[in-house]
Protein backbone atom coordinates (compact mmCIF):
# COMPACT_ATOMS: atom_id res chain seq x y z
CA UNK A 1 -38.00 195.06 -57.12
CA UNK A 2 -36.71 198.61 -57.41
CA UNK A 3 -37.95 200.21 -60.66
CA UNK A 4 -36.13 203.54 -60.39
CA UNK A 5 -33.33 204.32 -62.86
CA UNK A 6 -30.99 205.02 -59.95
CA UNK A 7 -31.26 203.38 -56.55
CA UNK A 8 -30.65 205.96 -53.75
CA UNK A 9 -29.56 203.11 -51.45
CA UNK A 10 -26.31 203.14 -53.41
CA UNK A 11 -25.51 206.62 -52.13
CA UNK A 12 -25.98 205.49 -48.52
CA UNK A 13 -24.14 202.18 -48.92
CA UNK A 14 -21.29 203.50 -51.13
CA UNK A 15 -20.84 207.26 -50.46
CA UNK A 16 -18.02 207.50 -53.04
CA UNK A 17 -20.67 207.30 -55.79
CA UNK A 18 -21.75 210.85 -54.93
CA UNK A 19 -18.46 212.23 -56.27
CA UNK A 20 -18.61 210.11 -59.41
CA UNK A 21 -22.22 211.13 -60.10
CA UNK A 22 -21.31 214.80 -59.68
CA UNK A 23 -18.49 214.41 -62.22
CA UNK A 24 -20.82 212.58 -64.65
CA UNK A 25 -23.39 215.39 -64.31
CA UNK A 26 -20.73 218.02 -65.06
CA UNK A 27 -19.54 216.05 -68.09
CA UNK A 28 -23.17 215.73 -69.23
CA UNK A 29 -23.59 219.52 -69.13
CA UNK A 30 -20.38 220.00 -71.10
CA UNK A 31 -21.53 217.38 -73.64
CA UNK A 32 -24.82 219.26 -74.13
CA UNK A 33 -22.95 222.52 -74.74
CA UNK A 34 -20.67 220.80 -77.27
CA UNK A 35 -23.69 219.32 -79.11
CA UNK A 36 -25.10 222.81 -79.59
CA UNK A 37 -21.71 224.22 -80.61
CA UNK A 38 -21.08 221.37 -83.08
CA UNK A 39 -24.47 221.70 -84.78
CA UNK A 40 -24.16 225.50 -84.97
CA UNK A 41 -20.66 225.44 -86.44
CA UNK A 42 -21.58 222.70 -88.95
CA UNK A 43 -24.66 224.66 -90.07
CA UNK A 44 -22.46 227.71 -90.67
CA UNK A 45 -19.90 225.63 -92.62
CA UNK A 46 -22.60 224.06 -94.85
CA UNK A 47 -24.32 227.42 -95.43
CA UNK A 48 -21.02 228.98 -96.47
CA UNK A 49 -20.29 226.01 -98.74
CA UNK A 50 -23.68 226.51 -100.42
CA UNK A 51 -22.60 230.09 -101.20
CA UNK A 52 -19.30 228.78 -102.65
CA UNK A 53 -17.00 229.87 -99.84
CA UNK A 54 -15.16 228.24 -96.92
CA UNK A 55 -15.67 229.57 -93.40
CA UNK A 56 -12.37 228.59 -91.77
CA UNK A 57 -13.35 229.81 -88.30
CA UNK A 58 -16.56 227.74 -88.30
CA UNK A 59 -14.70 224.71 -89.69
CA UNK A 60 -12.05 225.00 -86.96
CA UNK A 61 -14.79 225.28 -84.33
CA UNK A 62 -16.52 222.19 -85.74
CA UNK A 63 -13.32 220.11 -85.63
CA UNK A 64 -12.64 221.32 -82.08
CA UNK A 65 -16.14 220.36 -80.90
CA UNK A 66 -15.86 216.91 -82.48
CA UNK A 67 -12.54 216.39 -80.70
CA UNK A 68 -14.07 217.72 -77.49
CA UNK A 69 -17.01 215.30 -77.71
CA UNK A 70 -14.62 212.40 -78.26
CA UNK A 71 -12.61 213.46 -75.20
CA UNK A 72 -15.82 213.71 -73.16
CA UNK A 73 -16.86 210.20 -74.20
CA UNK A 74 -13.50 208.90 -72.99
CA UNK A 75 -13.81 210.84 -69.71
CA UNK A 76 -17.34 209.54 -69.14
CA UNK A 77 -16.20 205.98 -69.73
CA UNK A 78 -13.30 206.40 -67.31
CA UNK A 79 -15.43 207.90 -64.54
CA UNK A 80 -18.18 205.32 -65.05
CA UNK A 81 -15.67 202.47 -65.01
CA UNK A 82 -14.15 203.68 -61.76
CA UNK A 83 -17.59 204.07 -60.23
CA UNK A 84 -18.48 200.50 -61.26
CA UNK A 85 -15.27 199.13 -59.75
CA UNK A 86 -15.80 201.11 -56.52
CA UNK A 87 -19.40 199.96 -56.11
CA UNK A 88 -18.63 196.31 -56.86
CA UNK A 89 -15.69 196.23 -54.45
CA UNK A 90 -17.71 197.91 -51.69
CA UNK A 91 -20.75 195.63 -52.12
CA UNK A 92 -18.61 192.48 -52.23
CA UNK A 93 -16.92 193.61 -49.01
CA UNK A 94 -20.32 194.27 -47.43
CA UNK A 95 -21.58 190.84 -48.47
CA UNK A 96 -18.53 189.13 -46.96
CA UNK A 97 -18.84 191.27 -43.81
CA UNK A 98 -22.52 190.31 -43.54
CA UNK A 99 -21.61 186.63 -43.67
CA UNK A 100 -18.88 187.13 -41.06
CA UNK A 101 -21.16 189.11 -38.75
CA UNK A 102 -24.09 186.71 -38.88
CA UNK A 103 -22.13 183.47 -38.93
CA UNK A 104 -22.41 180.12 -40.72
CA UNK A 105 -26.05 179.55 -39.71
CA UNK A 106 -27.12 182.66 -41.58
CA UNK A 107 -24.94 181.67 -44.54
CA UNK A 108 -26.71 178.31 -44.76
CA UNK A 109 -30.05 180.06 -44.62
CA UNK A 110 -29.06 182.30 -47.53
CA UNK A 111 -27.72 179.35 -49.57
CA UNK A 112 -24.01 179.51 -50.22
CA UNK A 113 -24.47 178.98 -53.96
CA UNK A 114 -26.83 181.93 -54.25
CA UNK A 115 -24.43 184.24 -52.43
CA UNK A 116 -21.50 183.01 -54.52
CA UNK A 117 -23.43 183.72 -57.73
CA UNK A 118 -24.53 187.09 -56.39
CA UNK A 119 -21.03 188.20 -55.37
CA UNK A 120 -19.52 187.00 -58.65
CA UNK A 121 -21.63 187.03 -61.82
CA UNK A 122 -24.38 189.18 -60.28
CA UNK A 123 -22.21 192.16 -59.33
CA UNK A 124 -20.14 191.87 -62.50
CA UNK A 125 -23.36 192.46 -64.45
CA UNK A 126 -23.42 195.99 -62.98
CA UNK A 127 -20.71 196.99 -65.47
CA UNK A 128 -23.34 197.41 -68.19
CA UNK A 129 -25.38 199.64 -65.87
CA UNK A 130 -22.60 201.96 -64.75
CA UNK A 131 -20.59 202.17 -67.97
CA UNK A 132 -23.48 202.07 -70.43
CA UNK A 133 -26.85 203.07 -69.02
CA UNK A 134 -25.96 205.63 -66.33
CA UNK A 135 -23.87 207.97 -68.56
CA UNK A 136 -26.63 207.87 -71.18
CA UNK A 137 -29.20 208.60 -68.48
CA UNK A 138 -27.31 211.78 -67.57
CA UNK A 139 -27.08 212.77 -71.25
CA UNK A 140 -30.81 212.06 -71.76
CA UNK A 141 -31.48 214.86 -69.27
CA UNK A 142 -28.88 217.46 -70.26
CA UNK A 143 -28.80 217.12 -74.07
CA UNK A 144 -32.58 217.26 -74.83
CA UNK A 145 -32.95 220.23 -72.47
CA UNK A 146 -30.13 222.12 -74.22
CA UNK A 147 -31.43 221.21 -77.70
CA UNK A 148 -34.96 222.37 -76.87
CA UNK A 149 -33.66 225.64 -75.47
CA UNK A 150 -31.70 226.27 -78.67
CA UNK A 151 -34.59 225.24 -80.95
CA UNK A 152 -36.98 227.63 -79.20
CA UNK A 153 -34.81 230.54 -80.31
CA UNK A 154 -34.14 229.09 -83.77
CA UNK A 155 -37.61 227.80 -84.77
CA UNK A 156 -40.31 227.55 -82.09
CA UNK A 157 -42.66 225.40 -84.23
CA UNK A 158 -40.01 222.68 -84.58
CA UNK A 159 -39.32 222.94 -80.85
CA UNK A 160 -43.04 222.35 -80.19
CA UNK A 161 -43.05 219.16 -82.27
CA UNK A 162 -40.00 217.91 -80.39
CA UNK A 163 -41.64 218.69 -77.04
CA UNK A 164 -44.75 216.70 -78.02
CA UNK A 165 -42.93 213.67 -79.46
CA UNK A 166 -39.96 213.42 -77.08
CA UNK A 167 -41.99 211.83 -74.21
CA UNK A 168 -43.04 208.97 -76.52
CA UNK A 169 -39.62 207.33 -76.21
CA UNK A 170 -39.58 206.98 -72.38
CA UNK A 171 -43.28 205.97 -72.41
CA UNK A 172 -42.76 203.12 -74.89
CA UNK A 173 -39.48 202.25 -73.15
CA UNK A 174 -41.25 201.96 -69.78
CA UNK A 175 -44.04 199.79 -71.21
CA UNK A 176 -41.57 197.35 -72.70
CA UNK A 177 -39.25 197.68 -69.71
CA UNK A 178 -41.85 196.25 -67.33
CA UNK A 179 -42.07 193.12 -69.45
CA UNK A 180 -38.28 192.89 -69.68
CA UNK A 181 -37.96 193.36 -65.94
CA UNK A 182 -40.21 190.39 -65.16
CA UNK A 183 -38.31 188.25 -67.66
CA UNK A 184 -34.96 189.34 -66.17
CA UNK A 185 -36.13 188.45 -62.66
CA UNK A 186 -37.05 184.96 -63.84
CA UNK A 187 -33.69 184.67 -65.59
CA UNK A 188 -31.80 185.73 -62.45
CA UNK A 189 -33.76 183.34 -60.22
CA UNK A 190 -32.93 180.46 -62.55
CA UNK A 191 -29.25 181.45 -62.59
CA UNK A 192 -29.15 181.62 -58.76
CA UNK A 193 -30.80 178.19 -58.50
CA UNK A 194 -28.36 176.79 -61.06
CA UNK A 195 -25.35 178.21 -59.19
CA UNK A 196 -26.55 176.93 -55.83
CA UNK A 197 -27.39 173.46 -57.12
CA UNK A 198 -24.10 173.15 -58.98
CA UNK A 199 -22.12 174.16 -55.87
CA UNK A 200 -23.99 171.61 -53.75
CA UNK A 201 -23.47 168.93 -56.38
CA UNK A 202 -19.72 169.54 -56.58
CA UNK A 203 -19.42 169.47 -52.78
CA UNK A 204 -21.30 166.17 -52.62
CA UNK A 205 -19.76 164.56 -55.70
CA UNK A 206 -17.98 161.74 -53.81
CA UNK A 207 -21.27 160.74 -52.16
CA UNK A 208 -23.15 160.95 -55.46
CA UNK A 209 -20.61 158.74 -57.18
CA UNK A 210 -20.61 156.26 -54.32
CA UNK A 211 -24.38 155.84 -54.64
CA UNK A 212 -24.41 155.93 -58.44
CA UNK A 213 -26.37 159.21 -58.65
CA UNK A 214 -23.77 161.38 -60.39
CA UNK A 215 -25.20 160.95 -63.90
CA UNK A 216 -28.74 161.75 -62.78
CA UNK A 217 -27.50 165.00 -61.24
CA UNK A 218 -25.76 165.86 -64.49
CA UNK A 219 -29.16 165.61 -66.17
CA UNK A 220 -30.68 167.86 -63.51
CA UNK A 221 -27.99 170.51 -64.08
CA UNK A 222 -28.51 170.21 -67.84
CA UNK A 223 -32.26 170.82 -67.46
CA UNK A 224 -31.68 173.80 -65.17
CA UNK A 225 -29.12 175.25 -67.60
CA UNK A 226 -31.58 174.80 -70.46
CA UNK A 227 -34.24 176.63 -68.43
CA UNK A 228 -31.81 179.49 -67.85
CA UNK A 229 -31.01 179.56 -71.58
CA UNK A 230 -34.70 179.77 -72.48
CA UNK A 231 -35.25 182.59 -69.95
CA UNK A 232 -32.24 184.46 -71.35
CA UNK A 233 -33.50 184.17 -74.92
CA UNK A 234 -36.92 185.47 -73.88
CA UNK A 235 -35.28 188.46 -72.23
CA UNK A 236 -33.20 189.13 -75.35
CA UNK A 237 -36.30 188.97 -77.57
CA UNK A 238 -37.96 191.65 -75.46
CA UNK A 239 -34.79 193.76 -75.55
CA UNK A 240 -34.54 193.55 -79.36
CA UNK A 241 -38.23 194.38 -79.71
CA UNK A 242 -37.74 197.37 -77.44
CA UNK A 243 -34.81 198.59 -79.55
CA UNK A 244 -36.89 198.31 -82.74
CA UNK A 245 -39.80 200.24 -81.21
CA UNK A 246 -37.60 203.02 -79.86
CA UNK A 247 -35.78 203.41 -83.19
CA UNK A 248 -39.11 203.54 -85.04
CA UNK A 249 -40.58 206.17 -82.70
CA UNK A 250 -37.43 208.31 -82.89
CA UNK A 251 -37.25 208.07 -86.69
CA UNK A 252 -40.90 209.07 -87.11
CA UNK A 253 -40.46 211.93 -84.66
CA UNK A 254 -37.47 213.28 -86.60
CA UNK A 255 -39.49 212.96 -89.81
CA UNK A 256 -42.31 215.03 -88.28
CA UNK A 257 -39.79 217.83 -87.83
CA UNK A 258 -37.80 217.36 -91.06
CA UNK A 259 -40.76 217.36 -93.49
CA UNK A 260 -42.24 220.75 -92.42
CA UNK A 261 -38.76 222.27 -92.24
CA UNK A 262 -38.01 221.09 -95.80
CA UNK A 263 -41.31 222.43 -97.14
CA UNK A 264 -40.82 225.78 -95.45
CA UNK A 265 -37.24 225.97 -96.77
CA UNK A 266 -38.46 225.35 -100.33
CA UNK A 267 -41.18 227.99 -99.89
CA UNK A 268 -38.68 230.57 -98.67
CA UNK A 269 -40.18 230.76 -95.20
CA UNK A 270 -37.01 229.56 -93.46
CA UNK A 271 -33.35 230.48 -93.83
CA UNK A 272 -30.94 227.73 -94.92
CA UNK A 273 -28.70 228.07 -91.85
CA UNK A 274 -31.70 227.87 -89.50
CA UNK A 275 -33.11 224.87 -91.37
CA UNK A 276 -29.75 223.08 -91.21
CA UNK A 277 -29.42 223.86 -87.50
CA UNK A 278 -32.89 222.39 -86.79
CA UNK A 279 -32.22 219.27 -88.87
CA UNK A 280 -28.85 218.72 -87.15
CA UNK A 281 -30.12 219.30 -83.61
CA UNK A 282 -33.38 217.34 -83.75
CA UNK A 283 -31.80 213.83 -83.93
CA UNK A 284 -29.47 214.81 -81.08
CA UNK A 285 -32.52 215.35 -78.84
CA UNK A 286 -33.74 211.78 -79.36
CA UNK A 287 -30.38 210.00 -79.50
CA UNK A 288 -29.57 209.90 -75.73
CA UNK A 289 -33.07 208.62 -74.91
CA UNK A 290 -32.85 205.89 -77.53
CA UNK A 291 -29.39 204.86 -76.32
CA UNK A 292 -30.49 204.90 -72.66
CA UNK A 293 -33.50 202.72 -73.49
CA UNK A 294 -31.48 200.12 -75.34
CA UNK A 295 -28.68 200.03 -72.76
CA UNK A 296 -31.15 199.78 -69.90
CA UNK A 297 -32.11 196.29 -71.07
CA UNK A 298 -28.45 195.26 -71.12
CA UNK A 299 -28.10 196.44 -67.52
CA UNK A 300 -31.27 194.88 -66.10
CA UNK A 301 -29.54 191.71 -64.91
CA UNK A 302 -27.13 193.85 -62.89
CA UNK A 303 -30.00 195.91 -61.45
CA UNK A 304 -31.83 192.73 -60.45
CA UNK A 305 -28.68 191.47 -58.74
CA UNK A 306 -28.22 194.88 -57.06
CA UNK A 307 -31.72 194.71 -55.60
CA UNK A 308 -30.95 191.18 -54.39
CA UNK A 309 -27.74 192.43 -52.75
CA UNK A 310 -29.63 195.14 -50.86
CA UNK A 311 -32.21 192.55 -49.85
CA UNK A 312 -29.47 190.37 -48.35
CA UNK A 313 -27.64 193.28 -46.70
CA UNK A 314 -30.90 194.64 -45.31
CA UNK A 315 -31.16 191.57 -43.08
CA UNK A 316 -27.59 191.89 -41.79
CA UNK A 317 -26.22 194.50 -39.37
CA UNK A 318 -24.43 197.35 -41.11
CA UNK A 319 -20.86 198.46 -40.42
CA UNK A 320 -22.19 201.58 -38.71
CA UNK A 321 -24.31 199.48 -36.36
CA UNK A 322 -21.31 197.33 -35.47
CA UNK A 323 -19.08 200.37 -34.99
CA UNK A 324 -21.58 201.72 -32.44
CA UNK A 325 -21.28 198.54 -30.36
CA UNK A 326 -19.19 198.84 -27.24
CA UNK A 327 -16.17 196.58 -26.67
CA UNK A 328 -16.66 193.82 -24.13
CA UNK A 329 -14.62 194.83 -21.06
CA UNK A 330 -13.78 191.38 -19.74
CA UNK A 331 -10.93 188.95 -19.82
CA UNK A 332 -13.36 186.16 -20.63
CA UNK A 333 -13.02 184.83 -17.07
CA UNK A 334 -16.34 186.29 -15.91
CA UNK A 335 -19.71 184.67 -15.35
CA UNK A 336 -21.84 183.77 -18.37
CA UNK A 337 -25.65 183.72 -18.08
CA UNK A 338 -28.39 182.62 -20.43
CA UNK A 339 -31.54 184.47 -19.36
CA UNK A 340 -34.78 182.89 -20.66
CA UNK A 341 -33.26 182.39 -24.11
CA UNK A 342 -35.47 181.12 -26.94
CA UNK A 343 -34.20 180.52 -30.47
CA UNK A 344 -36.65 179.84 -33.29
CA UNK A 345 -35.90 178.85 -36.87
CA UNK A 346 -38.31 178.42 -39.75
CA UNK A 347 -38.55 174.71 -38.97
CA UNK A 348 -39.43 175.38 -35.32
CA UNK A 349 -37.86 176.24 -31.96
CA UNK A 350 -34.29 175.05 -31.36
CA UNK A 351 -34.15 176.29 -27.74
CA UNK A 352 -37.07 177.09 -25.45
CA UNK A 353 -36.77 179.42 -22.44
CA UNK A 354 -33.25 178.29 -21.52
CA UNK A 355 -31.75 179.75 -18.33
CA UNK A 356 -28.21 178.77 -17.42
CA UNK A 357 -25.31 180.17 -15.39
CA UNK A 358 -21.72 179.20 -16.23
CA UNK A 359 -19.21 180.09 -13.54
CA UNK A 360 -15.56 180.92 -14.36
CA UNK A 361 -13.41 177.82 -14.76
CA UNK A 362 -16.41 175.50 -14.87
CA UNK A 363 -16.46 172.59 -17.32
CA UNK A 364 -19.94 171.71 -18.56
CA UNK A 365 -20.85 168.75 -20.76
CA UNK A 366 -23.94 169.02 -22.97
CA UNK A 367 -25.70 165.86 -24.10
CA UNK A 368 -28.86 165.12 -26.02
CA UNK A 369 -30.14 163.65 -29.29
CA UNK A 370 -29.12 165.04 -32.66
CA UNK A 371 -30.98 168.21 -33.57
CA UNK A 372 -31.95 168.92 -29.96
CA UNK A 373 -30.22 172.33 -29.89
CA UNK A 374 -26.73 171.61 -28.55
CA UNK A 375 -24.87 173.33 -31.41
CA UNK A 376 -27.35 176.22 -31.22
CA UNK A 377 -26.30 176.78 -27.60
CA UNK A 378 -22.66 177.09 -28.69
CA UNK A 379 -23.71 179.29 -31.62
CA UNK A 380 -25.29 181.74 -29.17
CA UNK A 381 -21.98 182.12 -27.34
CA UNK A 382 -20.09 182.56 -30.61
CA UNK A 383 -22.53 185.21 -31.81
CA UNK A 384 -23.47 183.06 -34.80
CA UNK A 385 -27.06 182.78 -33.56
CA UNK A 386 -29.26 185.63 -32.30
CA UNK A 387 -31.85 184.87 -29.59
CA UNK A 388 -35.46 185.24 -30.65
CA UNK A 389 -36.16 186.27 -27.06
CA UNK A 390 -34.10 186.51 -23.91
CA UNK A 391 -30.43 187.40 -23.81
CA UNK A 392 -26.91 186.09 -23.22
CA UNK A 393 -24.98 188.07 -20.59
CA UNK A 394 -21.22 188.03 -19.92
CA UNK A 395 -20.05 189.90 -16.82
CA UNK A 396 -23.45 191.69 -16.75
CA UNK A 397 -22.96 192.87 -20.35
CA UNK A 398 -25.49 191.83 -23.00
CA UNK A 399 -23.67 189.97 -25.78
CA UNK A 400 -25.92 191.67 -28.36
CA UNK A 401 -24.40 195.06 -27.51
CA UNK A 402 -20.71 194.20 -27.77
CA UNK A 403 -18.13 194.00 -30.52
CA UNK A 404 -18.40 190.33 -31.48
CA UNK A 405 -14.96 190.21 -33.08
CA UNK A 406 -13.42 191.25 -29.77
CA UNK A 407 -15.52 188.74 -27.88
CA UNK A 408 -14.65 185.87 -30.22
CA UNK A 409 -10.95 186.50 -29.63
CA UNK A 410 -11.59 185.22 -26.10
CA UNK A 411 -12.99 181.91 -27.35
CA UNK A 412 -11.31 178.80 -28.71
CA UNK A 413 -13.75 176.75 -30.78
CA UNK A 414 -13.34 173.18 -31.97
CA UNK A 415 -16.33 172.27 -34.20
CA UNK A 416 -17.55 168.83 -35.22
CA UNK A 417 -15.95 169.12 -38.64
CA UNK A 418 -12.97 171.43 -38.51
CA UNK A 419 -12.62 173.25 -41.82
CA UNK A 420 -9.09 173.17 -43.19
CA UNK A 421 -8.11 175.34 -46.13
CA UNK A 422 -6.00 174.66 -49.20
CA UNK A 423 -2.84 175.92 -47.54
CA UNK A 424 0.11 174.55 -45.57
CA UNK A 425 -0.39 172.72 -42.29
CA UNK A 426 1.35 175.56 -40.46
CA UNK A 427 -0.96 178.19 -41.99
CA UNK A 428 -4.01 176.14 -41.03
CA UNK A 429 -2.85 175.90 -37.41
CA UNK A 430 -1.98 179.62 -37.29
CA UNK A 431 -5.39 180.59 -38.68
CA UNK A 432 -6.36 182.67 -35.64
CA UNK A 433 -2.83 183.79 -34.76
CA UNK A 434 -0.85 184.35 -37.99
CA UNK A 435 2.10 186.04 -36.23
CA UNK A 436 2.79 183.16 -33.85
CA UNK A 437 6.53 182.53 -33.31
CA UNK A 438 7.86 179.05 -34.17
CA UNK A 439 8.38 178.02 -30.53
CA UNK A 440 4.71 178.73 -29.64
CA UNK A 441 3.61 176.83 -32.72
CA UNK A 442 5.72 173.82 -31.69
CA UNK A 443 4.20 173.88 -28.17
CA UNK A 444 0.65 173.90 -29.58
CA UNK A 445 1.47 171.03 -31.94
CA UNK A 446 2.88 168.95 -29.11
CA UNK A 447 -0.05 169.73 -26.80
CA UNK A 448 -2.50 168.60 -29.52
CA UNK A 449 -0.55 165.33 -30.07
CA UNK A 450 -0.01 166.40 -33.66
CA UNK A 451 3.77 166.09 -33.77
CA UNK A 452 3.76 162.44 -34.85
CA UNK A 453 1.35 163.27 -37.69
CA UNK A 454 3.54 166.13 -38.95
CA UNK A 455 6.62 163.91 -38.79
CA UNK A 456 4.95 161.58 -41.32
CA UNK A 457 4.05 164.34 -43.81
CA UNK A 458 6.38 164.71 -46.83
CA UNK A 459 7.22 168.37 -46.13
CA UNK A 460 6.30 168.56 -42.46
CA UNK A 461 4.56 171.81 -41.50
CA UNK A 462 5.04 173.14 -45.03
CA UNK A 463 2.97 170.31 -46.55
CA UNK A 464 0.17 171.78 -48.65
CA UNK A 465 -3.28 170.38 -47.90
CA UNK A 466 -6.17 170.09 -50.31
CA UNK A 467 -9.46 171.92 -49.82
CA UNK A 468 -11.25 170.81 -46.62
CA UNK A 469 -8.01 169.23 -45.40
CA UNK A 470 -7.72 166.61 -48.12
CA UNK A 471 -4.68 164.50 -47.30
CA UNK A 472 -5.42 164.13 -43.58
CA UNK A 473 -7.73 161.68 -41.81
CA UNK A 474 -10.70 162.82 -39.68
CA UNK A 475 -8.71 162.32 -36.46
CA UNK A 476 -5.74 164.25 -37.83
CA UNK A 477 -7.99 167.12 -38.90
CA UNK A 478 -9.47 167.25 -35.40
CA UNK A 479 -5.98 167.42 -33.90
CA UNK A 480 -5.18 170.36 -36.21
CA UNK A 481 -8.31 172.06 -34.84
CA UNK A 482 -7.16 171.35 -31.28
CA UNK A 483 -3.73 172.81 -32.10
CA UNK A 484 -5.51 175.98 -33.28
CA UNK A 485 -7.31 176.12 -29.94
CA UNK A 486 -4.09 175.63 -27.96
CA UNK A 487 -2.42 178.38 -29.99
CA UNK A 488 -5.29 180.77 -29.32
CA UNK A 489 -4.86 180.22 -25.54
CA UNK A 490 -8.34 181.64 -24.88
CA UNK A 491 -10.04 181.59 -21.45
CA UNK A 492 -13.21 180.01 -22.88
CA UNK A 493 -13.22 176.72 -24.82
CA UNK A 494 -16.15 175.40 -26.87
CA UNK A 495 -15.91 171.84 -28.17
CA UNK A 496 -18.66 170.47 -30.40
CA UNK A 497 -18.33 166.66 -30.33
CA UNK A 498 -14.58 166.64 -31.06
CA UNK A 499 -14.41 162.81 -30.98
CA UNK A 500 -17.33 162.14 -33.35
CA UNK A 501 -16.61 159.73 -36.24
CA UNK A 502 -13.14 158.82 -34.90
CA UNK A 503 -11.67 155.35 -34.45
CA UNK A 504 -10.42 154.17 -31.07
CA UNK A 505 -6.79 155.27 -31.48
CA UNK A 506 -7.69 158.70 -32.86
CA UNK A 507 -10.32 159.18 -30.15
CA UNK A 508 -7.80 158.41 -27.42
CA UNK A 509 -5.31 160.93 -28.83
CA UNK A 510 -7.99 163.64 -29.20
CA UNK A 511 -9.34 162.96 -25.68
CA UNK A 512 -5.89 163.28 -24.17
CA UNK A 513 -5.34 166.61 -25.96
CA UNK A 514 -8.84 167.77 -24.94
CA UNK A 515 -8.08 167.16 -21.26
CA UNK A 516 -5.02 169.38 -21.51
CA UNK A 517 -6.97 172.05 -23.39
CA UNK A 518 -9.85 172.43 -20.91
CA UNK A 519 -7.65 172.37 -17.82
CA UNK A 520 -8.03 175.69 -15.96
CA UNK A 521 -10.45 177.13 -18.53
CA UNK A 522 -14.19 177.67 -18.77
CA UNK A 523 -15.35 174.91 -21.10
CA UNK A 524 -18.55 173.74 -22.80
CA UNK A 525 -18.28 170.26 -24.31
CA UNK A 526 -20.97 168.87 -26.57
CA UNK A 527 -20.61 165.12 -26.15
CA UNK A 528 -22.24 161.95 -27.43
CA UNK A 529 -19.58 159.56 -26.10
CA UNK A 530 -19.20 158.87 -22.35
CA UNK A 531 -15.44 159.42 -22.49
CA UNK A 532 -15.82 163.20 -22.59
CA UNK A 533 -18.19 163.23 -19.61
CA UNK A 534 -15.32 162.38 -17.23
CA UNK A 535 -13.95 165.90 -17.74
CA UNK A 536 -17.22 167.63 -16.81
CA UNK A 537 -18.12 169.33 -13.52
CA UNK A 538 -21.77 169.49 -14.60
CA UNK A 539 -23.83 167.68 -17.20
CA UNK A 540 -26.74 169.30 -19.06
CA UNK A 541 -29.23 167.50 -21.25
CA UNK A 542 -31.03 169.26 -24.10
CA UNK A 543 -34.07 167.61 -25.59
CA UNK A 544 -36.82 169.23 -27.62
CA UNK A 545 -35.12 172.59 -27.01
CA UNK A 546 -35.42 172.39 -23.21
CA UNK A 547 -32.51 172.26 -20.79
CA UNK A 548 -32.31 169.77 -17.92
CA UNK A 549 -29.43 169.54 -15.47
CA UNK A 550 -28.23 166.07 -14.53
CA UNK A 551 -25.96 164.86 -11.79
CA UNK A 552 -23.24 162.37 -12.72
CA UNK A 553 -22.79 159.22 -10.63
CA UNK A 554 -19.24 157.96 -10.50
CA UNK A 555 -17.86 154.53 -9.78
CA UNK A 556 -15.11 153.86 -7.29
CA UNK A 557 -12.59 154.14 -10.12
CA UNK A 558 -13.84 157.61 -11.02
CA UNK A 559 -15.59 156.66 -14.26
CA UNK A 560 -18.88 158.33 -15.05
CA UNK A 561 -22.01 156.20 -15.24
CA UNK A 562 -25.24 157.24 -16.95
CA UNK A 563 -26.34 160.49 -15.28
CA UNK A 564 -29.50 160.59 -13.26
CA UNK A 565 -31.97 163.39 -13.75
CA UNK A 566 -32.29 165.86 -10.87
CA UNK A 567 -34.43 168.71 -12.17
CA UNK A 568 -35.03 171.37 -14.75
């Protein structure tokens, strides 16, 4: 966990903060000058009043400095608010970019609920840091320095007391801050767990209700929420204790200055104007430090989330790294090679030393038991998975060195469970090609055998679907995914078990559309059902992460029988 009051990684990740910090520093210097001017003018006004006269010039200066300080407070709040908004927007964009760059496998590893909590509540907690703590941190540097400089010339003995007692506030604040930091980390971990569990529970609510486990999960969420409440209260107790200690130290420190000044004033050893100036300036020296200490505790949740954000982004490629990647100079019709590729996850190896050459226009079926590594093979081509060792080469260009967005535009992908969004059917089909003209859209719909489905919908293509395609059957959702692939018209097609979990009629329709889709294209088809094997030029079997090539044996009618193994 980063314990510094300002994380320099912010300057590298969000360069716009440099300008905002410079403005805050300038405003802090002006605020320090106004503190000195206000105390000086007020001391003159009170001294004149003690003599029975009114110093109009000093009174006007005092009113002007008060108005100036109020204007500075507003300016600081405006600059700090803009800096908070800029940082939050930039970090949210970086988090979303990191997910897009690393793919769904990385997202699952990071836990979707944790990232959702981090990008929402976590970054919003930075408001207290930027609008409360950071401006006070600037003032806690500029104001005490200006006050001490003025006190040295006014009364050096009072300045010495301030110099000796001023460090007590940050020392006590740091001691209590370490305890508060540990409590805040526990609070944030509980909140992340609660967010992740709640998201998973909502996603699986139909299954939970079907098996009668919904109420038990409600109890689990209630216990987790109660744990978060207890952690929050413990953090607040430490924060309130810290505020009490800092106020006590500051009050005693001011008293150590005020008592000698009062005694010397009564003894005639100090002029009234000087004594008033010292008494007015001394609390101003401690005030920014006290305010910074109390507001630091309010901002600790945001700082914990900020450190978590940098931890997540540190494991993802940065925008600069992606910008340095060269575009892939191929039409997608070139040769694809897997060269001794190994992919390892925490649970073990998904692929082991896989070498494979895919020639242009070749259709390859991939078979094997669940969890053998078939989807990982497709993930390597999509750039969703990074090889632990070895490399994937397209037209003699390493896929790790290219712009993945440009490469993915040459691929049409139909996953096992096509994700449909809460939008119209037309928008879901045009997901990868939003500017498609109506005639191209109609051709893709017809090619995917989706036209009869759309004819039955109440508003046709304009029918709004629920999240995850609610309102369509599994087979209809797969045909929407195939229509997307037809519309993309990419030279490479990846199909991950497109007929899984479909009934006979839906499977026949999807198979017919699949045949049209792979015709004349380079295609990889992950298949469990024999029907897809008829479209394959080669059949590969993956088991225990190892690749074996099989040769299909066909009957007189052209149907594919169980392949026979021919070698590794």
